[in-house]
Amino acid sequence: MLESVADHLAATKQRGGGSMVDRLVNIFPKQQVHPRLLPYIEEGYRKAHGFYLESETNPEFSIFKGLPCWNSEIEKIFNEKSVSSI
């Protein structure tokens, strides 16, 4: 799952660095994701967002600069997907 998150981040950056948050809010809800994978995908995006926050002060994480991956909207989407898969 972490590799999948990394692929999404790389594709976003390659396509001009558009908002990962926008992609997750507008595209992810339409995707059919196996319910057992949701916690791992969520964890991956939360970790990537942590690296994004670290990139603000640490040049070692510059690949994540400008790519926030988590906010309350995304959390709501993951919660809705989790509930609807029960």
PDB file of N, CA and C in Angstrom:
ATOM      1  N   MET A   1       0.814  -1.187   0.000  1.00  0.00           N
ATOM      2  CA  MET A   1       0.000   0.000   0.000  1.00  0.00           C
ATOM      3  C   MET A   1       0.861   1.256   0.000  1.00  0.00           C
ATOM      4  N   LEU A   2       1.990   1.184   0.708  1.00  0.00           N
ATOM      5  CA  LEU A   2       2.876   2.347   0.713  1.00  0.00           C
ATOM      6  C   LEU A   2       3.406   2.612  -0.687  1.00  0.00           C
ATOM      7  N   GLU A   3       3.669   1.541  -1.424  1.00  0.00           N
ATOM      8  CA  GLU A   3       4.133   1.709  -2.805  1.00  0.00           C
ATOM      9  C   GLU A   3       3.042   2.338  -3.668  1.00  0.00           C
ATOM     10  N   SER A   4       1.807   1.962  -3.432  1.00  0.00           N
ATOM     11  CA  SER A   4       0.689   2.553  -4.168  1.00  0.00           C
ATOM     12  C   SER A   4       0.579   4.046  -3.879  1.00  0.00           C
ATOM     13  N   VAL A   5       0.729   4.418  -2.622  1.00  0.00           N
ATOM     14  CA  VAL A   5       0.708   5.837  -2.245  1.00  0.00           C
ATOM     15  C   VAL A   5       1.869   6.556  -2.909  1.00  0.00           C
ATOM     16  N   ALA A   6       3.044   5.935  -2.906  1.00  0.00           N
ATOM     17  CA  ALA A   6       4.214   6.540  -3.552  1.00  0.00           C
ATOM     18  C   ALA A   6       3.970   6.728  -5.041  1.00  0.00           C
ATOM     19  N   ASP A   7       3.319   5.753  -5.681  1.00  0.00           N
ATOM     20  CA  ASP A   7       2.994   5.871  -7.108  1.00  0.00           C
ATOM     21  C   ASP A   7       2.048   7.042  -7.357  1.00  0.00           C
ATOM     22  N   HIS A   8       1.043   7.203  -6.502  1.00  0.00           N
ATOM     23  CA  HIS A   8       0.115   8.330  -6.650  1.00  0.00           C
ATOM     24  C   HIS A   8       0.841   9.659  -6.486  1.00  0.00           C
ATOM     25  N   LEU A   9       1.739   9.727  -5.503  1.00  0.00           N
ATOM     26  CA  LEU A   9       2.499  10.954  -5.292  1.00  0.00           C
ATOM     27  C   LEU A   9       3.390  11.257  -6.489  1.00  0.00           C
ATOM     28  N   ALA A  10       4.053  10.221  -7.011  1.00  0.00           N
ATOM     29  CA  ALA A  10       4.940  10.412  -8.165  1.00  0.00           C
ATOM     30  C   ALA A  10       4.146  10.861  -9.386  1.00  0.00           C
ATOM     31  N   ALA A  11       2.998  10.244  -9.626  1.00  0.00           N
ATOM     32  CA  ALA A  11       2.166  10.628 -10.775  1.00  0.00           C
ATOM     33  C   ALA A  11       1.677  12.060 -10.627  1.00  0.00           C
ATOM     34  N   THR A  12       1.310  12.443  -9.426  1.00  0.00           N
ATOM     35  CA  THR A  12       0.854  13.806  -9.180  1.00  0.00           C
ATOM     36  C   THR A  12       1.980  14.800  -9.444  1.00  0.00           C
ATOM     37  N   LYS A  13       3.168  14.491  -8.946  1.00  0.00           N
ATOM     38  CA  LYS A  13       4.310  15.383  -9.128  1.00  0.00           C
ATOM     39  C   LYS A  13       4.704  15.455 -10.612  1.00  0.00           C
ATOM     40  N   GLN A  14       4.671  14.312 -11.301  1.00  0.00           N
ATOM     41  CA  GLN A  14       5.051  14.268 -12.718  1.00  0.00           C
ATOM     42  C   GLN A  14       4.072  15.074 -13.577  1.00  0.00           C
ATOM     43  N   ARG A  15       2.830  15.111 -13.177  1.00  0.00           N
ATOM     44  CA  ARG A  15       1.806  15.834 -13.946  1.00  0.00           C
ATOM     45  C   ARG A  15       1.700  17.294 -13.538  1.00  0.00           C
ATOM     46  N   GLY A  16       2.762  17.822 -12.999  1.00  0.00           N
ATOM     47  CA  GLY A  16       2.791  19.239 -12.688  1.00  0.00           C
ATOM     48  C   GLY A  16       2.597  19.584 -11.231  1.00  0.00           C
ATOM     49  N   GLY A  17       2.550  18.563 -10.366  1.00  0.00           N
ATOM     50  CA  GLY A  17       2.452  18.832  -8.943  1.00  0.00           C
ATOM     51  C   GLY A  17       1.117  19.383  -8.504  1.00  0.00           C
ATOM     52  N   GLY A  18       0.042  18.959  -9.180  1.00  0.00           N
ATOM     53  CA  GLY A  18      -1.283  19.382  -8.753  1.00  0.00           C
ATOM     54  C   GLY A  18      -1.565  18.903  -7.340  1.00  0.00           C
ATOM     55  N   SER A  19      -2.657  19.291  -6.824  1.00  0.00           N
ATOM     56  CA  SER A  19      -2.985  18.981  -5.441  1.00  0.00           C
ATOM     57  C   SER A  19      -3.355  17.514  -5.258  1.00  0.00           C
ATOM     58  N   MET A  20      -2.596  16.845  -4.404  1.00  0.00           N
ATOM     59  CA  MET A  20      -2.913  15.465  -4.055  1.00  0.00           C
ATOM     60  C   MET A  20      -4.232  15.428  -3.291  1.00  0.00           C
ATOM     61  N   VAL A  21      -4.468  16.440  -2.487  1.00  0.00           N
ATOM     62  CA  VAL A  21      -5.718  16.526  -1.740  1.00  0.00           C
ATOM     63  C   VAL A  21      -6.885  16.585  -2.718  1.00  0.00           C
ATOM     64  N   ASP A  22      -6.767  17.393  -3.768  1.00  0.00           N
ATOM     65  CA  ASP A  22      -7.817  17.490  -4.777  1.00  0.00           C
ATOM     66  C   ASP A  22      -8.074  16.132  -5.420  1.00  0.00           C
ATOM     67  N   ARG A  23      -7.009  15.424  -5.744  1.00  0.00           N
ATOM     68  CA  ARG A  23      -7.141  14.094  -6.352  1.00  0.00           C
ATOM     69  C   ARG A  23      -7.862  13.133  -5.410  1.00  0.00           C
ATOM     70  N   LEU A  24      -7.495  13.164  -4.139  1.00  0.00           N
ATOM     71  CA  LEU A  24      -8.130  12.259  -3.180  1.00  0.00           C
ATOM     72  C   LEU A  24      -9.588  12.616  -2.936  1.00  0.00           C
ATOM     73  N   VAL A  25      -9.893  13.888  -2.922  1.00  0.00           N
ATOM     74  CA  VAL A  25     -11.269  14.318  -2.665  1.00  0.00           C
ATOM     75  C   VAL A  25     -12.165  14.041  -3.864  1.00  0.00           C
ATOM     76  N   ASN A  26     -11.648  14.219  -5.077  1.00  0.00           N
ATOM     77  CA  ASN A  26     -12.494  14.108  -6.266  1.00  0.00           C
ATOM     78  C   ASN A  26     -12.432  12.765  -6.979  1.00  0.00           C
ATOM     79  N   ILE A  27     -11.352  12.029  -6.851  1.00  0.00           N
ATOM     80  CA  ILE A  27     -11.222  10.774  -7.590  1.00  0.00           C
ATOM     81  C   ILE A  27     -11.340   9.550  -6.685  1.00  0.00           C
ATOM     82  N   PHE A  28     -10.710   9.590  -5.533  1.00  0.00           N
ATOM     83  CA  PHE A  28     -10.691   8.422  -4.653  1.00  0.00           C
ATOM     84  C   PHE A  28     -12.088   7.919  -4.280  1.00  0.00           C
ATOM     85  N   PRO A  29     -13.050   8.785  -3.984  1.00  0.00           N
ATOM     86  CA  PRO A  29     -14.384   8.282  -3.615  1.00  0.00           C
ATOM     87  C   PRO A  29     -15.044   7.445  -4.723  1.00  0.00           C
ATOM     88  N   LYS A  30     -14.670   7.666  -5.966  1.00  0.00           N
ATOM     89  CA  LYS A  30     -15.268   6.942  -7.089  1.00  0.00           C
ATOM     90  C   LYS A  30     -14.613   5.584  -7.315  1.00  0.00           C
ATOM     91  N   GLN A  31     -13.452   5.362  -6.712  1.00  0.00           N
ATOM     92  CA  GLN A  31     -12.730   4.110  -6.909  1.00  0.00           C
ATOM     93  C   GLN A  31     -13.290   3.018  -6.008  1.00  0.00           C
ATOM     94  N   GLN A  32     -13.312   1.806  -6.547  1.00  0.00           N
ATOM     95  CA  GLN A  32     -13.747   0.649  -5.779  1.00  0.00           C
ATOM     96  C   GLN A  32     -12.510   0.039  -5.110  1.00  0.00           C
ATOM     97  N   VAL A  33     -12.383   0.278  -3.823  1.00  0.00           N
ATOM     98  CA  VAL A  33     -11.240  -0.211  -3.069  1.00  0.00           C
ATOM     99  C   VAL A  33     -11.722  -1.308  -2.135  1.00  0.00           C
ATOM    100  N   HIS A  34     -10.966  -2.415  -2.093  1.00  0.00           N
ATOM    101  CA  HIS A  34     -11.349  -3.495  -1.190  1.00  0.00           C
ATOM    102  C   HIS A  34     -11.326  -2.973   0.243  1.00  0.00           C
ATOM    103  N   PRO A  35     -12.379  -3.233   1.016  1.00  0.00           N
ATOM    104  CA  PRO A  35     -12.480  -2.686   2.368  1.00  0.00           C
ATOM    105  C   PRO A  35     -11.293  -3.035   3.273  1.00  0.00           C
ATOM    106  N   ARG A  36     -10.701  -4.197   3.081  1.00  0.00           N
ATOM    107  CA  ARG A  36      -9.566  -4.586   3.927  1.00  0.00           C
ATOM    108  C   ARG A  36      -8.316  -3.760   3.638  1.00  0.00           C
ATOM    109  N   LEU A  37      -8.267  -3.133   2.470  1.00  0.00           N
ATOM    110  CA  LEU A  37      -7.105  -2.326   2.121  1.00  0.00           C
ATOM    111  C   LEU A  37      -7.196  -0.898   2.642  1.00  0.00           C
ATOM    112  N   LEU A  38      -8.394  -0.439   2.943  1.00  0.00           N
ATOM    113  CA  LEU A  38      -8.589   0.956   3.356  1.00  0.00           C
ATOM    114  C   LEU A  38      -7.689   1.397   4.516  1.00  0.00           C
ATOM    115  N   PRO A  39      -7.565   0.612   5.595  1.00  0.00           N
ATOM    116  CA  PRO A  39      -6.705   1.073   6.690  1.00  0.00           C
ATOM    117  C   PRO A  39      -5.247   1.251   6.270  1.00  0.00           C
ATOM    118  N   TYR A  40      -4.776   0.410   5.377  1.00  0.00           N
ATOM    119  CA  TYR A  40      -3.385   0.499   4.926  1.00  0.00           C
ATOM    120  C   TYR A  40      -3.173   1.703   4.004  1.00  0.00           C
ATOM    121  N   ILE A  41      -4.149   1.956   3.148  1.00  0.00           N
ATOM    122  CA  ILE A  41      -4.058   3.122   2.271  1.00  0.00           C
ATOM    123  C   ILE A  41      -4.113   4.399   3.110  1.00  0.00           C
ATOM    124  N   GLU A  42      -5.020   4.413   4.077  1.00  0.00           N
ATOM    125  CA  GLU A  42      -5.111   5.578   4.963  1.00  0.00           C
ATOM    126  C   GLU A  42      -3.783   5.801   5.689  1.00  0.00           C
ATOM    127  N   GLU A  43      -3.218   4.744   6.213  1.00  0.00           N
ATOM    128  CA  GLU A  43      -1.931   4.861   6.911  1.00  0.00           C
ATOM    129  C   GLU A  43      -0.844   5.414   5.981  1.00  0.00           C
ATOM    130  N   GLY A  44      -0.840   4.949   4.747  1.00  0.00           N
ATOM    131  CA  GLY A  44       0.150   5.417   3.778  1.00  0.00           C
ATOM    132  C   GLY A  44       0.035   6.907   3.508  1.00  0.00           C
ATOM    133  N   TYR A  45      -1.194   7.384   3.327  1.00  0.00           N
ATOM    134  CA  TYR A  45      -1.384   8.812   3.080  1.00  0.00           C
ATOM    135  C   TYR A  45      -1.068   9.653   4.308  1.00  0.00           C
ATOM    136  N   ARG A  46      -1.375   9.129   5.478  1.00  0.00           N
ATOM    137  CA  ARG A  46      -1.028   9.855   6.703  1.00  0.00           C
ATOM    138  C   ARG A  46       0.495   9.959   6.859  1.00  0.00           C
ATOM    139  N   LYS A  47       1.197   8.861   6.564  1.00  0.00           N
ATOM    140  CA  LYS A  47       2.660   8.885   6.644  1.00  0.00           C
ATOM    141  C   LYS A  47       3.240   9.849   5.616  1.00  0.00           C
ATOM    142  N   ALA A  48       2.720   9.799   4.409  1.00  0.00           N
ATOM    143  CA  ALA A  48       3.209  10.703   3.356  1.00  0.00           C
ATOM    144  C   ALA A  48       2.958  12.151   3.763  1.00  0.00           C
ATOM    145  N   HIS A  49       1.831  12.412   4.404  1.00  0.00           N
ATOM    146  CA  HIS A  49       1.549  13.770   4.856  1.00  0.00           C
ATOM    147  C   HIS A  49       2.547  14.183   5.944  1.00  0.00           C
ATOM    148  N   GLY A  50       2.927  13.241   6.781  1.00  0.00           N
ATOM    149  CA  GLY A  50       3.956  13.529   7.781  1.00  0.00           C
ATOM    150  C   GLY A  50       5.270  13.916   7.120  1.00  0.00           C
ATOM    151  N   PHE A  51       5.628  13.218   6.028  1.00  0.00           N
ATOM    152  CA  PHE A  51       6.841  13.574   5.292  1.00  0.00           C
ATOM    153  C   PHE A  51       6.693  14.949   4.641  1.00  0.00           C
ATOM    154  N   TYR A  52       5.484  15.241   4.159  1.00  0.00           N
ATOM    155  CA  TYR A  52       5.229  16.579   3.603  1.00  0.00           C
ATOM    156  C   TYR A  52       5.482  17.647   4.667  1.00  0.00           C
ATOM    157  N   LEU A  53       4.950  17.433   5.869  1.00  0.00           N
ATOM    158  CA  LEU A  53       5.159  18.402   6.946  1.00  0.00           C
ATOM    159  C   LEU A  53       6.634  18.531   7.282  1.00  0.00           C
ATOM    160  N   GLU A  54       7.348  17.418   7.273  1.00  0.00           N
ATOM    161  CA  GLU A  54       8.789  17.430   7.544  1.00  0.00           C
ATOM    162  C   GLU A  54       9.544  18.164   6.439  1.00  0.00           C
ATOM    163  N   SER A  55       9.047  18.087   5.213  1.00  0.00           N
ATOM    164  CA  SER A  55       9.736  18.721   4.081  1.00  0.00           C
ATOM    165  C   SER A  55       9.764  20.241   4.190  1.00  0.00           C
ATOM    166  N   GLU A  56       8.860  20.778   4.989  1.00  0.00           N
ATOM    167  CA  GLU A  56       8.823  22.225   5.159  1.00  0.00           C
ATOM    168  C   GLU A  56      10.081  22.752   5.855  1.00  0.00           C
ATOM    169  N   THR A  57      10.718  21.903   6.669  1.00  0.00           N
ATOM    170  CA  THR A  57      11.908  22.338   7.407  1.00  0.00           C
ATOM    171  C   THR A  57      13.145  21.511   7.107  1.00  0.00           C
ATOM    172  N   ASN A  58      12.978  20.357   6.470  1.00  0.00           N
ATOM    173  CA  ASN A  58      14.098  19.452   6.246  1.00  0.00           C
ATOM    174  C   ASN A  58      14.266  19.185   4.751  1.00  0.00           C
ATOM    175  N   PRO A  59      15.347  19.667   4.130  1.00  0.00           N
ATOM    176  CA  PRO A  59      15.544  19.482   2.692  1.00  0.00           C
ATOM    177  C   PRO A  59      15.689  18.020   2.275  1.00  0.00           C
ATOM    178  N   GLU A  60      15.962  17.143   3.224  1.00  0.00           N
ATOM    179  CA  GLU A  60      16.093  15.711   2.925  1.00  0.00           C
ATOM    180  C   GLU A  60      14.778  15.133   2.400  1.00  0.00           C
ATOM    181  N   PHE A  61      13.667  15.741   2.762  1.00  0.00           N
ATOM    182  CA  PHE A  61      12.345  15.270   2.350  1.00  0.00           C
ATOM    183  C   PHE A  61      11.755  16.150   1.253  1.00  0.00           C
ATOM    184  N   SER A  62      12.590  16.798   0.483  1.00  0.00           N
ATOM    185  CA  SER A  62      12.112  17.774  -0.503  1.00  0.00           C
ATOM    186  C   SER A  62      11.201  17.169  -1.563  1.00  0.00           C
ATOM    187  N   ILE A  63      11.286  15.859  -1.783  1.00  0.00           N
ATOM    188  CA  ILE A  63      10.416  15.234  -2.785  1.00  0.00           C
ATOM    189  C   ILE A  63       8.939  15.390  -2.397  1.00  0.00           C
ATOM    190  N   PHE A  64       8.665  15.565  -1.119  1.00  0.00           N
ATOM    191  CA  PHE A  64       7.284  15.718  -0.650  1.00  0.00           C
ATOM    192  C   PHE A  64       6.839  17.176  -0.575  1.00  0.00           C
ATOM    193  N   LYS A  65       7.752  18.095  -0.847  1.00  0.00           N
ATOM    194  CA  LYS A  65       7.438  19.521  -0.731  1.00  0.00           C
ATOM    195  C   LYS A  65       6.285  19.888  -1.676  1.00  0.00           C
ATOM    196  N   GLY A  66       5.295  20.552  -1.143  1.00  0.00           N
ATOM    197  CA  GLY A  66       4.155  20.973  -1.949  1.00  0.00           C
ATOM    198  C   GLY A  66       3.127  19.888  -2.217  1.00  0.00           C
ATOM    199  N   LEU A  67       3.227  18.747  -1.536  1.00  0.00           N
ATOM    200  CA  LEU A  67       2.285  17.651  -1.761  1.00  0.00           C
ATOM    201  C   LEU A  67       1.588  17.233  -0.465  1.00  0.00           C
ATOM    202  N   PRO A  68       0.753  18.090   0.093  1.00  0.00           N
ATOM    203  CA  PRO A  68       0.003  17.657   1.275  1.00  0.00           C
ATOM    204  C   PRO A  68      -0.908  16.488   0.901  1.00  0.00           C
ATOM    205  N   CYS A  69      -1.063  15.556   1.811  1.00  0.00           N
ATOM    206  CA  CYS A  69      -1.815  14.335   1.507  1.00  0.00           C
ATOM    207  C   CYS A  69      -2.950  14.060   2.480  1.00  0.00           C
ATOM    208  N   TRP A  70      -3.208  14.978   3.395  1.00  0.00           N
ATOM    209  CA  TRP A  70      -4.236  14.676   4.390  1.00  0.00           C
ATOM    210  C   TRP A  70      -4.862  15.961   4.890  1.00  0.00           C
ATOM    211  N   ASN A  71      -6.151  15.926   5.101  1.00  0.00           N
ATOM    212  CA  ASN A  71      -6.877  17.004   5.770  1.00  0.00           C
ATOM    213  C   ASN A  71      -8.208  16.432   6.233  1.00  0.00           C
ATOM    214  N   SER A  72      -9.063  17.258   6.801  1.00  0.00           N
ATOM    215  CA  SER A  72     -10.328  16.770   7.355  1.00  0.00           C
ATOM    216  C   SER A  72     -11.265  16.224   6.272  1.00  0.00           C
ATOM    217  N   GLU A  73     -11.205  16.787   5.066  1.00  0.00           N
ATOM    218  CA  GLU A  73     -12.038  16.280   3.961  1.00  0.00           C
ATOM    219  C   GLU A  73     -11.663  14.842   3.607  1.00  0.00           C
ATOM    220  N   ILE A  74     -10.370  14.587   3.532  1.00  0.00           N
ATOM    221  CA  ILE A  74      -9.901  13.245   3.184  1.00  0.00           C
ATOM    222  C   ILE A  74     -10.229  12.264   4.305  1.00  0.00           C
ATOM    223  N   GLU A  75     -10.056  12.708   5.535  1.00  0.00           N
ATOM    224  CA  GLU A  75     -10.410  11.854   6.668  1.00  0.00           C
ATOM    225  C   GLU A  75     -11.882  11.463   6.600  1.00  0.00           C
ATOM    226  N   LYS A  76     -12.742  12.403   6.263  1.00  0.00           N
ATOM    227  CA  LYS A  76     -14.179  12.137   6.133  1.00  0.00           C
ATOM    228  C   LYS A  76     -14.440  11.098   5.037  1.00  0.00           C
ATOM    229  N   ILE A  77     -13.747  11.206   3.918  1.00  0.00           N
ATOM    230  CA  ILE A  77     -13.925  10.253   2.810  1.00  0.00           C
ATOM    231  C   ILE A  77     -13.533   8.849   3.254  1.00  0.00           C
ATOM    232  N   PHE A  78     -12.393   8.723   3.939  1.00  0.00           N
ATOM    233  CA  PHE A  78     -11.971   7.408   4.416  1.00  0.00           C
ATOM    234  C   PHE A  78     -12.966   6.855   5.433  1.00  0.00           C
ATOM    235  N   ASN A  79     -13.491   7.710   6.315  1.00  0.00           N
ATOM    236  CA  ASN A  79     -14.483   7.254   7.290  1.00  0.00           C
ATOM    237  C   ASN A  79     -15.756   6.783   6.590  1.00  0.00           C
ATOM    238  N   GLU A  80     -16.195   7.508   5.571  1.00  0.00           N
ATOM    239  CA  GLU A  80     -17.398   7.120   4.831  1.00  0.00           C
ATOM    240  C   GLU A  80     -17.190   5.812   4.082  1.00  0.00           C
ATOM    241  N   LYS A  81     -16.015   5.659   3.461  1.00  0.00           N
ATOM    242  CA  LYS A  81     -15.724   4.414   2.754  1.00  0.00           C
ATOM    243  C   LYS A  81     -15.694   3.234   3.724  1.00  0.00           C
ATOM    244  N   SER A  82     -15.104   3.450   4.898  1.00  0.00           N
ATOM    245  CA  SER A  82     -15.017   2.376   5.893  1.00  0.00           C
ATOM    246  C   SER A  82     -16.397   1.970   6.367  1.00  0.00           C
ATOM    247  N   VAL A  83     -17.262   2.933   6.632  1.00  0.00           N
ATOM    248  CA  VAL A  83     -18.614   2.645   7.101  1.00  0.00           C
ATOM    249  C   VAL A  83     -19.422   1.959   6.007  1.00  0.00           C
ATOM    250  N   SER A  84     -19.295   2.412   4.775  1.00  0.00           N
ATOM    251  CA  SER A  84     -20.094   1.830   3.690  1.00  0.00           C
ATOM    252  C   SER A  84     -19.633   0.427   3.316  1.00  0.00           C
ATOM    253  N   SER A  85     -18.434   0.040   3.736  1.00  0.00           N
ATOM    254  CA  SER A  85     -17.946  -1.300   3.388  1.00  0.00           C
ATOM    255  C   SER A  85     -18.315  -2.337   4.427  1.00  0.00           C
ATOM    256  N   ILE A  86     -18.954  -1.896   5.538  1.00  0.00           N
ATOM    257  CA  ILE A  86     -19.337  -2.846   6.597  1.00  0.00           C
ATOM    258  C   ILE A  86     -20.568  -3.594   6.187  1.00  0.00           C
TER     259      ILE A  86
END
